[in-house]
């Protein structure tokens, strides 16, 4: 099992999960990506990221809400074809205002 970062992360990009991850398996390209991505091949399933997320965007793979199933595909696609993953994200989550309260990456 791995973890998936869902809808609540889009346009928030809080760094708390990155800081909590002991194996640096959470990736993104600053200024390009709209969400963070967990590499399933690098993730050790420690769950340290899940409680660290202030917007509750991280789910164990088996706990991903049905309404967010598209994020499972986007997460996997990101590590094969970043451009395609970004396009798919833009299709399901058009650009707009981000939820407040999270600490943005510096």
PDB file of N, CA and C in Angstrom:
ATOM      1  N   UNK A   1       0.852  -1.180   0.000  1.00  0.00           N
ATOM      2  CA  UNK A   1       0.000   0.000   0.000  1.00  0.00           C
ATOM      3  C   UNK A   1       0.893   1.237   0.000  1.00  0.00           C
ATOM      4  N   UNK A   2       0.400   2.267  -0.624  1.00  0.00           N
ATOM      5  CA  UNK A   2       1.097   3.547  -0.627  1.00  0.00           C
ATOM      6  C   UNK A   2       0.095   4.635  -0.266  1.00  0.00           C
ATOM      7  N   UNK A   3       0.518   5.847  -0.371  1.00  0.00           N
ATOM      8  CA  UNK A   3      -0.335   6.986  -0.053  1.00  0.00           C
ATOM      9  C   UNK A   3      -0.530   7.826  -1.299  1.00  0.00           C
ATOM     10  N   UNK A   4      -1.672   8.509  -1.352  1.00  0.00           N
ATOM     11  CA  UNK A   4      -2.030   9.338  -2.497  1.00  0.00           C
ATOM     12  C   UNK A   4      -2.414  10.721  -1.989  1.00  0.00           C
ATOM     13  N   UNK A   5      -1.943  11.737  -2.688  1.00  0.00           N
ATOM     14  CA  UNK A   5      -2.281  13.109  -2.335  1.00  0.00           C
ATOM     15  C   UNK A   5      -3.435  13.547  -3.222  1.00  0.00           C
ATOM     16  N   UNK A   6      -4.527  13.927  -2.592  1.00  0.00           N
ATOM     17  CA  UNK A   6      -5.753  14.225  -3.309  1.00  0.00           C
ATOM     18  C   UNK A   6      -6.025  15.699  -3.538  1.00  0.00           C
ATOM     19  N   UNK A   7      -7.288  15.986  -3.787  1.00  0.00           N
ATOM     20  CA  UNK A   7      -7.779  17.288  -4.225  1.00  0.00           C
ATOM     21  C   UNK A   7      -7.416  18.442  -3.300  1.00  0.00           C
ATOM     22  N   UNK A   8      -7.443  18.238  -2.007  1.00  0.00           N
ATOM     23  CA  UNK A   8      -7.223  19.355  -1.074  1.00  0.00           C
ATOM     24  C   UNK A   8      -5.834  19.970  -1.195  1.00  0.00           C
ATOM     25  N   UNK A   9      -4.892  19.261  -1.803  1.00  0.00           N
ATOM     26  CA  UNK A   9      -3.535  19.791  -1.973  1.00  0.00           C
ATOM     27  C   UNK A   9      -3.425  20.737  -3.171  1.00  0.00           C
ATOM     28  N   UNK A  10      -4.353  20.617  -4.109  1.00  0.00           N
ATOM     29  CA  UNK A  10      -4.257  21.397  -5.349  1.00  0.00           C
ATOM     30  C   UNK A  10      -4.237  22.893  -5.036  1.00  0.00           C
ATOM     31  N   UNK A  11      -3.216  23.546  -5.529  1.00  0.00           N
ATOM     32  CA  UNK A  11      -2.981  24.979  -5.377  1.00  0.00           C
ATOM     33  C   UNK A  11      -2.667  25.399  -3.941  1.00  0.00           C
ATOM     34  N   UNK A  12      -2.397  24.423  -3.073  1.00  0.00           N
ATOM     35  CA  UNK A  12      -1.998  24.717  -1.694  1.00  0.00           C
ATOM     36  C   UNK A  12      -0.501  24.476  -1.525  1.00  0.00           C
ATOM     37  N   UNK A  13      -0.038  23.283  -1.902  1.00  0.00           N
ATOM     38  CA  UNK A  13       1.384  22.927  -1.854  1.00  0.00           C
ATOM     39  C   UNK A  13       2.022  23.187  -0.486  1.00  0.00           C
ATOM     40  N   UNK A  14       1.411  22.705   0.569  1.00  0.00           N
ATOM     41  CA  UNK A  14       1.971  22.847   1.902  1.00  0.00           C
ATOM     42  C   UNK A  14       3.174  21.915   2.053  1.00  0.00           C
ATOM     43  N   UNK A  15       4.216  22.370   2.697  1.00  0.00           N
ATOM     44  CA  UNK A  15       5.461  21.609   2.823  1.00  0.00           C
ATOM     45  C   UNK A  15       5.497  20.672   4.026  1.00  0.00           C
ATOM     46  N   UNK A  16       4.497  20.641   4.839  1.00  0.00           N
ATOM     47  CA  UNK A  16       4.527  19.835   6.062  1.00  0.00           C
ATOM     48  C   UNK A  16       4.765  18.356   5.790  1.00  0.00           C
ATOM     49  N   UNK A  17       4.152  17.809   4.756  1.00  0.00           N
ATOM     50  CA  UNK A  17       4.325  16.389   4.463  1.00  0.00           C
ATOM     51  C   UNK A  17       5.752  16.094   3.995  1.00  0.00           C
ATOM     52  N   UNK A  18       6.331  16.996   3.241  1.00  0.00           N
ATOM     53  CA  UNK A  18       7.701  16.821   2.769  1.00  0.00           C
ATOM     54  C   UNK A  18       8.653  16.793   3.962  1.00  0.00           C
ATOM     55  N   UNK A  19       8.433  17.702   4.897  1.00  0.00           N
ATOM     56  CA  UNK A  19       9.280  17.764   6.092  1.00  0.00           C
ATOM     57  C   UNK A  19       9.131  16.517   6.958  1.00  0.00           C
ATOM     58  N   UNK A  20       7.941  15.909   6.967  1.00  0.00           N
ATOM     59  CA  UNK A  20       7.689  14.733   7.806  1.00  0.00           C
ATOM     60  C   UNK A  20       8.186  13.431   7.182  1.00  0.00           C
ATOM     61  N   UNK A  21       8.349  13.401   5.884  1.00  0.00           N
ATOM     62  CA  UNK A  21       8.717  12.168   5.181  1.00  0.00           C
ATOM     63  C   UNK A  21      10.184  11.807   5.423  1.00  0.00           C
ATOM     64  N   UNK A  22      10.441  10.604   5.975  1.00  0.00           N
ATOM     65  CA  UNK A  22      11.822  10.218   6.258  1.00  0.00           C
ATOM     66  C   UNK A  22      12.613   9.747   5.040  1.00  0.00           C
ATOM     67  N   UNK A  23      11.936   9.493   3.911  1.00  0.00           N
ATOM     68  CA  UNK A  23      12.636   8.982   2.734  1.00  0.00           C
ATOM     69  C   UNK A  23      12.545   9.904   1.517  1.00  0.00           C
ATOM     70  N   UNK A  24      12.028  11.101   1.700  1.00  0.00           N
ATOM     71  CA  UNK A  24      11.943  12.083   0.612  1.00  0.00           C
ATOM     72  C   UNK A  24      11.254  11.537  -0.638  1.00  0.00           C
ATOM     73  N   UNK A  25      10.092  10.919  -0.443  1.00  0.00           N
ATOM     74  CA  UNK A  25       9.373  10.354  -1.585  1.00  0.00           C
ATOM     75  C   UNK A  25       8.293  11.279  -2.125  1.00  0.00           C
ATOM     76  N   UNK A  26       8.178  12.485  -1.581  1.00  0.00           N
ATOM     77  CA  UNK A  26       7.163  13.433  -2.029  1.00  0.00           C
ATOM     78  C   UNK A  26       7.835  14.470  -2.921  1.00  0.00           C
ATOM     79  N   UNK A  27       7.318  14.591  -4.140  1.00  0.00           N
ATOM     80  CA  UNK A  27       7.982  15.403  -5.156  1.00  0.00           C
ATOM     81  C   UNK A  27       7.042  16.432  -5.782  1.00  0.00           C
ATOM     82  N   UNK A  28       7.637  17.447  -6.393  1.00  0.00           N
ATOM     83  CA  UNK A  28       6.936  18.448  -7.182  1.00  0.00           C
ATOM     84  C   UNK A  28       7.992  19.337  -7.815  1.00  0.00           C
ATOM     85  N   UNK A  29       7.571  20.083  -8.834  1.00  0.00           N
ATOM     86  CA  UNK A  29       8.449  21.074  -9.440  1.00  0.00           C
ATOM     87  C   UNK A  29       7.903  22.445  -9.079  1.00  0.00           C
ATOM     88  N   UNK A  30       8.673  23.171  -8.300  1.00  0.00           N
ATOM     89  CA  UNK A  30       8.253  24.492  -7.833  1.00  0.00           C
ATOM     90  C   UNK A  30       7.974  25.412  -9.015  1.00  0.00           C
ATOM     91  N   UNK A  31       6.857  26.108  -8.927  1.00  0.00           N
ATOM     92  CA  UNK A  31       6.470  27.030  -9.971  1.00  0.00           C
ATOM     93  C   UNK A  31       5.797  26.373 -11.166  1.00  0.00           C
ATOM     94  N   UNK A  32       5.734  25.039 -11.170  1.00  0.00           N
ATOM     95  CA  UNK A  32       5.121  24.319 -12.280  1.00  0.00           C
ATOM     96  C   UNK A  32       3.942  23.481 -11.796  1.00  0.00           C
ATOM     97  N   UNK A  33       4.178  22.676 -10.775  1.00  0.00           N
ATOM     98  CA  UNK A  33       3.140  21.772 -10.290  1.00  0.00           C
ATOM     99  C   UNK A  33       2.147  22.472  -9.374  1.00  0.00           C
ATOM    100  N   UNK A  34       0.917  21.984  -9.409  1.00  0.00           N
ATOM    101  CA  UNK A  34      -0.163  22.549  -8.599  1.00  0.00           C
ATOM    102  C   UNK A  34      -0.447  21.704  -7.368  1.00  0.00           C
ATOM    103  N   UNK A  35       0.177  20.548  -7.253  1.00  0.00           N
ATOM    104  CA  UNK A  35       0.023  19.673  -6.097  1.00  0.00           C
ATOM    105  C   UNK A  35       1.317  18.901  -5.892  1.00  0.00           C
ATOM    106  N   UNK A  36       1.400  18.219  -4.784  1.00  0.00           N
ATOM    107  CA  UNK A  36       2.547  17.374  -4.483  1.00  0.00           C
ATOM    108  C   UNK A  36       2.210  15.944  -4.888  1.00  0.00           C
ATOM    109  N   UNK A  37       3.238  15.123  -5.106  1.00  0.00           N
ATOM    110  CA  UNK A  37       3.064  13.759  -5.586  1.00  0.00           C
ATOM    111  C   UNK A  37       3.928  12.799  -4.779  1.00  0.00           C
ATOM    112  N   UNK A  38       3.363  11.663  -4.392  1.00  0.00           N
ATOM    113  CA  UNK A  38       4.100  10.629  -3.662  1.00  0.00           C
ATOM    114  C   UNK A  38       4.512   9.548  -4.644  1.00  0.00           C
ATOM    115  N   UNK A  39       5.810   9.251  -4.683  1.00  0.00           N
ATOM    116  CA  UNK A  39       6.340   8.201  -5.539  1.00  0.00           C
ATOM    117  C   UNK A  39       6.134   6.860  -4.838  1.00  0.00           C
ATOM    118  N   UNK A  40       5.255   6.033  -5.384  1.00  0.00           N
ATOM    119  CA  UNK A  40       4.930   4.738  -4.773  1.00  0.00           C
ATOM    120  C   UNK A  40       6.145   3.826  -4.683  1.00  0.00           C
ATOM    121  N   UNK A  41       7.097   3.975  -5.593  1.00  0.00           N
ATOM    122  CA  UNK A  41       8.300   3.141  -5.567  1.00  0.00           C
ATOM    123  C   UNK A  41       9.256   3.540  -4.448  1.00  0.00           C
ATOM    124  N   UNK A  42       9.166   4.769  -3.992  1.00  0.00           N
ATOM    125  CA  UNK A  42      10.047   5.260  -2.934  1.00  0.00           C
ATOM    126  C   UNK A  42       9.378   5.231  -1.555  1.00  0.00           C
ATOM    127  N   UNK A  43       8.058   5.266  -1.522  1.00  0.00           N
ATOM    128  CA  UNK A  43       7.299   5.335  -0.266  1.00  0.00           C
ATOM    129  C   UNK A  43       7.489   4.046   0.535  1.00  0.00           C
ATOM    130  N   UNK A  44       7.750   4.188   1.829  1.00  0.00           N
ATOM    131  CA  UNK A  44       7.920   3.024   2.704  1.00  0.00           C
ATOM    132  C   UNK A  44       6.676   2.778   3.561  1.00  0.00           C
ATOM    133  N   UNK A  45       5.590   3.449   3.256  1.00  0.00           N
ATOM    134  CA  UNK A  45       4.313   3.268   3.946  1.00  0.00           C
ATOM    135  C   UNK A  45       4.397   3.524   5.443  1.00  0.00           C
ATOM    136  N   UNK A  46       5.164   4.500   5.832  1.00  0.00           N
ATOM    137  CA  UNK A  46       5.329   4.812   7.258  1.00  0.00           C
ATOM    138  C   UNK A  46       4.181   5.662   7.793  1.00  0.00           C
ATOM    139  N   UNK A  47       3.445   6.320   6.912  1.00  0.00           N
ATOM    140  CA  UNK A  47       2.295   7.157   7.255  1.00  0.00           C
ATOM    141  C   UNK A  47       2.662   8.469   7.947  1.00  0.00           C
ATOM    142  N   UNK A  48       3.906   8.839   7.973  1.00  0.00           N
ATOM    143  CA  UNK A  48       4.316  10.081   8.636  1.00  0.00           C
ATOM    144  C   UNK A  48       3.726  11.309   7.948  1.00  0.00           C
ATOM    145  N   UNK A  49       3.496  11.231   6.668  1.00  0.00           N
ATOM    146  CA  UNK A  49       2.982  12.369   5.916  1.00  0.00           C
ATOM    147  C   UNK A  49       1.513  12.654   6.206  1.00  0.00           C
ATOM    148  N   UNK A  50       0.748  11.616   6.425  1.00  0.00           N
ATOM    149  CA  UNK A  50      -0.710  11.769   6.544  1.00  0.00           C
ATOM    150  C   UNK A  50      -1.125  12.724   7.664  1.00  0.00           C
ATOM    151  N   UNK A  51      -0.677  12.532   8.902  1.00  0.00           N
ATOM    152  CA  UNK A  51      -1.091  13.464   9.951  1.00  0.00           C
ATOM    153  C   UNK A  51      -0.415  14.836   9.846  1.00  0.00           C
ATOM    154  N   UNK A  52       0.666  14.928   9.082  1.00  0.00           N
ATOM    155  CA  UNK A  52       1.379  16.192   8.931  1.00  0.00           C
ATOM    156  C   UNK A  52       0.657  17.162   7.991  1.00  0.00           C
ATOM    157  N   UNK A  53      -0.235  16.653   7.169  1.00  0.00           N
ATOM    158  CA  UNK A  53      -0.925  17.489   6.177  1.00  0.00           C
ATOM    159  C   UNK A  53      -2.023  18.306   6.842  1.00  0.00           C
ATOM    160  N   UNK A  54      -1.920  19.634   6.813  1.00  0.00           N
ATOM    161  CA  UNK A  54      -2.919  20.478   7.477  1.00  0.00           C
ATOM    162  C   UNK A  54      -4.260  20.554   6.750  1.00  0.00           C
ATOM    163  N   UNK A  55      -4.299  20.116   5.491  1.00  0.00           N
ATOM    164  CA  UNK A  55      -5.561  20.163   4.745  1.00  0.00           C
ATOM    165  C   UNK A  55      -6.146  18.770   4.520  1.00  0.00           C
ATOM    166  N   UNK A  56      -5.566  17.779   5.165  1.00  0.00           N
ATOM    167  CA  UNK A  56      -6.043  16.382   5.105  1.00  0.00           C
ATOM    168  C   UNK A  56      -6.193  15.896   3.672  1.00  0.00           C
ATOM    169  N   UNK A  57      -5.149  16.131   2.880  1.00  0.00           N
ATOM    170  CA  UNK A  57      -5.160  15.743   1.464  1.00  0.00           C
ATOM    171  C   UNK A  57      -4.532  14.382   1.222  1.00  0.00           C
ATOM    172  N   UNK A  58      -3.908  13.777   2.224  1.00  0.00           N
ATOM    173  CA  UNK A  58      -3.174  12.532   2.023  1.00  0.00           C
ATOM    174  C   UNK A  58      -3.995  11.362   2.553  1.00  0.00           C
ATOM    175  N   UNK A  59      -4.112  10.340   1.691  1.00  0.00           N
ATOM    176  CA  UNK A  59      -4.901   9.166   2.034  1.00  0.00           C
ATOM    177  C   UNK A  59      -4.095   7.897   1.793  1.00  0.00           C
ATOM    178  N   UNK A  60      -4.273   6.904   2.668  1.00  0.00           N
ATOM    179  CA  UNK A  60      -3.781   5.573   2.352  1.00  0.00           C
ATOM    180  C   UNK A  60      -4.509   5.153   1.084  1.00  0.00           C
ATOM    181  N   UNK A  61      -3.835   4.443   0.223  1.00  0.00           N
ATOM    182  CA  UNK A  61      -4.404   4.067  -1.072  1.00  0.00           C
ATOM    183  C   UNK A  61      -5.800   3.443  -0.934  1.00  0.00           C
ATOM    184  N   UNK A  62      -5.978   2.583   0.039  1.00  0.00           N
ATOM    185  CA  UNK A  62      -7.267   1.911   0.227  1.00  0.00           C
ATOM    186  C   UNK A  62      -8.335   2.832   0.802  1.00  0.00           C
ATOM    187  N   UNK A  63      -7.955   3.983   1.325  1.00  0.00           N
ATOM    188  CA  UNK A  63      -8.902   4.919   1.938  1.00  0.00           C
ATOM    189  C   UNK A  63      -9.229   6.124   1.064  1.00  0.00           C
ATOM    190  N   UNK A  64      -8.706   6.157  -0.150  1.00  0.00           N
ATOM    191  CA  UNK A  64      -8.971   7.279  -1.042  1.00  0.00           C
ATOM    192  C   UNK A  64     -10.467   7.345  -1.337  1.00  0.00           C
ATOM    193  N   UNK A  65     -11.103   8.485  -1.094  1.00  0.00           N
ATOM    194  CA  UNK A  65     -12.541   8.597  -1.378  1.00  0.00           C
ATOM    195  C   UNK A  65     -12.837   8.343  -2.864  1.00  0.00           C
ATOM    196  N   UNK A  66     -13.954   7.695  -3.132  1.00  0.00           N
ATOM    197  CA  UNK A  66     -14.334   7.399  -4.512  1.00  0.00           C
ATOM    198  C   UNK A  66     -14.375   8.652  -5.376  1.00  0.00           C
ATOM    199  N   UNK A  67     -14.796   9.751  -4.800  1.00  0.00           N
ATOM    200  CA  UNK A  67     -14.887  11.007  -5.548  1.00  0.00           C
ATOM    201  C   UNK A  67     -13.511  11.527  -5.985  1.00  0.00           C
ATOM    202  N   UNK A  68     -12.441  10.954  -5.418  1.00  0.00           N
ATOM    203  CA  UNK A  68     -11.091  11.410  -5.755  1.00  0.00           C
ATOM    204  C   UNK A  68     -10.277  10.340  -6.476  1.00  0.00           C
ATOM    205  N   UNK A  69     -10.932   9.344  -7.031  1.00  0.00           N
ATOM    206  CA  UNK A  69     -10.227   8.262  -7.735  1.00  0.00           C
ATOM    207  C   UNK A  69      -9.320   8.766  -8.846  1.00  0.00           C
ATOM    208  N   UNK A  70      -9.664   9.859  -9.486  1.00  0.00           N
ATOM    209  CA  UNK A  70      -8.831  10.391 -10.573  1.00  0.00           C
ATOM    210  C   UNK A  70      -7.431  10.737 -10.073  1.00  0.00           C
ATOM    211  N   UNK A  71      -7.308  11.071  -8.801  1.00  0.00           N
ATOM    212  CA  UNK A  71      -6.004  11.439  -8.250  1.00  0.00           C
ATOM    213  C   UNK A  71      -5.067  10.242  -8.147  1.00  0.00           C
ATOM    214  N   UNK A  72      -5.614   9.032  -8.048  1.00  0.00           N
ATOM    215  CA  UNK A  72      -4.783   7.816  -8.061  1.00  0.00           C
ATOM    216  C   UNK A  72      -4.064   7.724  -9.412  1.00  0.00           C
ATOM    217  N   UNK A  73      -4.807   7.925 -10.484  1.00  0.00           N
ATOM    218  CA  UNK A  73      -4.236   7.864 -11.826  1.00  0.00           C
ATOM    219  C   UNK A  73      -3.240   9.000 -12.053  1.00  0.00           C
ATOM    220  N   UNK A  74      -3.596  10.197 -11.626  1.00  0.00           N
ATOM    221  CA  UNK A  74      -2.710  11.351 -11.802  1.00  0.00           C
ATOM    222  C   UNK A  74      -1.399  11.138 -11.048  1.00  0.00           C
ATOM    223  N   UNK A  75      -1.497  10.607  -9.843  1.00  0.00           N
ATOM    224  CA  UNK A  75      -0.303  10.364  -9.021  1.00  0.00           C
ATOM    225  C   UNK A  75       0.654   9.402  -9.728  1.00  0.00           C
ATOM    226  N   UNK A  76       0.130   8.295 -10.249  1.00  0.00           N
ATOM    227  CA  UNK A  76       0.964   7.313 -10.948  1.00  0.00           C
ATOM    228  C   UNK A  76       1.502   7.884 -12.254  1.00  0.00           C
ATOM    229  N   UNK A  77       0.656   8.604 -12.987  1.00  0.00           N
ATOM    230  CA  UNK A  77       1.050   9.177 -14.266  1.00  0.00           C
ATOM    231  C   UNK A  77       2.183  10.188 -14.120  1.00  0.00           C
ATOM    232  N   UNK A  78       2.194  10.919 -13.028  1.00  0.00           N
ATOM    233  CA  UNK A  78       3.211  11.948 -12.807  1.00  0.00           C
ATOM    234  C   UNK A  78       4.634  11.387 -12.925  1.00  0.00           C
ATOM    235  N   UNK A  79       4.836  10.164 -12.462  1.00  0.00           N
ATOM    236  CA  UNK A  79       6.179   9.587 -12.464  1.00  0.00           C
ATOM    237  C   UNK A  79       6.514   8.895 -13.785  1.00  0.00           C
ATOM    238  N   UNK A  80       5.563   8.917 -14.734  1.00  0.00           N
ATOM    239  CA  UNK A  80       5.802   8.402 -16.076  1.00  0.00           C
ATOM    240  C   UNK A  80       5.847   9.532 -17.097  1.00  0.00           C
ATOM    241  N   UNK A  81       4.922  10.494 -16.927  1.00  0.00           N
ATOM    242  CA  UNK A  81       4.789  11.595 -17.887  1.00  0.00           C
ATOM    243  C   UNK A  81       4.219  12.807 -17.150  1.00  0.00           C
ATOM    244  N   UNK A  82       5.107  13.646 -16.648  1.00  0.00           N
ATOM    245  CA  UNK A  82       4.689  14.797 -15.838  1.00  0.00           C
ATOM    246  C   UNK A  82       3.741  15.723 -16.590  1.00  0.00           C
ATOM    247  N   UNK A  83       4.013  15.984 -17.848  1.00  0.00           N
ATOM    248  CA  UNK A  83       3.164  16.892 -18.624  1.00  0.00           C
ATOM    249  C   UNK A  83       1.745  16.341 -18.740  1.00  0.00           C
ATOM    250  N   UNK A  84       1.618  15.054 -18.980  1.00  0.00           N
ATOM    251  CA  UNK A  84       0.294  14.435 -19.094  1.00  0.00           C
ATOM    252  C   UNK A  84      -0.449  14.486 -17.770  1.00  0.00           C
ATOM    253  N   UNK A  85       0.276  14.271 -16.676  1.00  0.00           N
ATOM    254  CA  UNK A  85      -0.353  14.341 -15.347  1.00  0.00           C
ATOM    255  C   UNK A  85      -0.841  15.755 -15.060  1.00  0.00           C
ATOM    256  N   UNK A  86      -0.051  16.739 -15.421  1.00  0.00           N
ATOM    257  CA  UNK A  86      -0.456  18.140 -15.200  1.00  0.00           C
ATOM    258  C   UNK A  86      -1.695  18.491 -16.014  1.00  0.00           C
ATOM    259  N   UNK A  87      -1.750  18.029 -17.251  1.00  0.00           N
ATOM    260  CA  UNK A  87      -2.921  18.283 -18.097  1.00  0.00           C
ATOM    261  C   UNK A  87      -4.170  17.622 -17.523  1.00  0.00           C
ATOM    262  N   UNK A  88      -4.023  16.392 -17.075  1.00  0.00           N
ATOM    263  CA  UNK A  88      -5.167  15.681 -16.497  1.00  0.00           C
ATOM    264  C   UNK A  88      -5.655  16.394 -15.247  1.00  0.00           C
ATOM    265  N   UNK A  89      -4.728  16.867 -14.413  1.00  0.00           N
ATOM    266  CA  UNK A  89      -5.109  17.614 -13.216  1.00  0.00           C
ATOM    267  C   UNK A  89      -5.876  18.876 -13.597  1.00  0.00           C
ATOM    268  N   UNK A  90      -5.392  19.590 -14.603  1.00  0.00           N
ATOM    269  CA  UNK A  90      -6.070  20.810 -15.050  1.00  0.00           C
ATOM    270  C   UNK A  90      -7.474  20.517 -15.580  1.00  0.00           C
ATOM    271  N   UNK A  91      -7.657  19.332 -16.160  1.00  0.00           N
ATOM    272  CA  UNK A  91      -8.980  18.935 -16.663  1.00  0.00           C
ATOM    273  C   UNK A  91      -9.972  18.727 -15.523  1.00  0.00           C
ATOM    274  N   UNK A  92      -9.528  18.062 -14.462  1.00  0.00           N
ATOM    275  CA  UNK A  92     -10.473  17.745 -13.383  1.00  0.00           C
ATOM    276  C   UNK A  92     -10.534  18.827 -12.311  1.00  0.00           C
ATOM    277  N   UNK A  93      -9.508  19.661 -12.247  1.00  0.00           N
ATOM    278  CA  UNK A  93      -9.454  20.717 -11.235  1.00  0.00           C
ATOM    279  C   UNK A  93      -8.964  22.003 -11.900  1.00  0.00           C
ATOM    280  N   UNK A  94      -9.864  22.726 -12.557  1.00  0.00           N
ATOM    281  CA  UNK A  94      -9.451  23.961 -13.227  1.00  0.00           C
ATOM    282  C   UNK A  94      -8.777  24.932 -12.257  1.00  0.00           C
ATOM    283  N   UNK A  95      -7.898  25.728 -12.788  1.00  0.00           N
ATOM    284  CA  UNK A  95      -7.194  26.707 -11.957  1.00  0.00           C
ATOM    285  C   UNK A  95      -8.182  27.671 -11.324  1.00  0.00           C
ATOM    286  N   UNK A  96      -7.891  28.032 -10.075  1.00  0.00           N
ATOM    287  CA  UNK A  96      -8.779  28.945  -9.359  1.00  0.00           C
ATOM    288  C   UNK A  96      -8.192  29.241  -8.002  1.00  0.00           C
ATOM    289  N   UNK A  97      -8.987  29.763  -7.115  1.00  0.00           N
ATOM    290  CA  UNK A  97      -8.539  30.107  -5.770  1.00  0.00           C
ATOM    291  C   UNK A  97      -8.222  28.876  -4.952  1.00  0.00           C
ATOM    292  N   UNK A  98      -7.182  28.970  -4.156  1.00  0.00           N
ATOM    293  CA  UNK A  98      -6.766  27.870  -3.280  1.00  0.00           C
ATOM    294  C   UNK A  98      -7.396  28.037  -1.902  1.00  0.00           C
ATOM    295  N   UNK A  99      -7.670  26.916  -1.245  1.00  0.00           N
ATOM    296  CA  UNK A  99      -8.146  27.004   0.138  1.00  0.00           C
ATOM    297  C   UNK A  99      -7.089  27.671   0.998  1.00  0.00           C
ATOM    298  N   UNK A 100      -7.496  28.425   1.970  1.00  0.00           N
ATOM    299  CA  UNK A 100      -6.532  29.130   2.828  1.00  0.00           C
ATOM    300  C   UNK A 100      -6.104  28.312   4.019  1.00  0.00           C
ATOM    301  N   UNK A 101      -5.163  28.816   4.759  1.00  0.00           N
ATOM    302  CA  UNK A 101      -4.753  28.222   6.011  1.00  0.00           C
ATOM    303  C   UNK A 101      -3.521  27.349   5.950  1.00  0.00           C
ATOM    304  N   UNK A 102      -3.073  26.940   4.798  1.00  0.00           N
ATOM    305  CA  UNK A 102      -1.894  26.083   4.725  1.00  0.00           C
ATOM    306  C   UNK A 102      -0.638  26.932   4.599  1.00  0.00           C
ATOM    307  N   UNK A 103       0.466  26.347   4.982  1.00  0.00           N
ATOM    308  CA  UNK A 103       1.752  27.025   4.901  1.00  0.00           C
ATOM    309  C   UNK A 103       2.372  26.728   3.545  1.00  0.00           C
ATOM    310  N   UNK A 104       2.479  27.685   2.631  1.00  0.00           N
ATOM    311  CA  UNK A 104       3.012  27.437   1.300  1.00  0.00           C
ATOM    312  C   UNK A 104       4.510  27.172   1.322  1.00  0.00           C
ATOM    313  N   UNK A 105       4.966  26.467   0.298  1.00  0.00           N
ATOM    314  CA  UNK A 105       6.394  26.192   0.138  1.00  0.00           C
ATOM    315  C   UNK A 105       7.130  27.478  -0.159  1.00  0.00           C
ATOM    316  N   UNK A 106       8.349  27.546   0.326  1.00  0.00           N
ATOM    317  CA  UNK A 106       9.187  28.735   0.113  1.00  0.00           C
ATOM    318  C   UNK A 106      10.218  28.469  -0.944  1.00  0.00           C
TER     319      UNK A 106
END
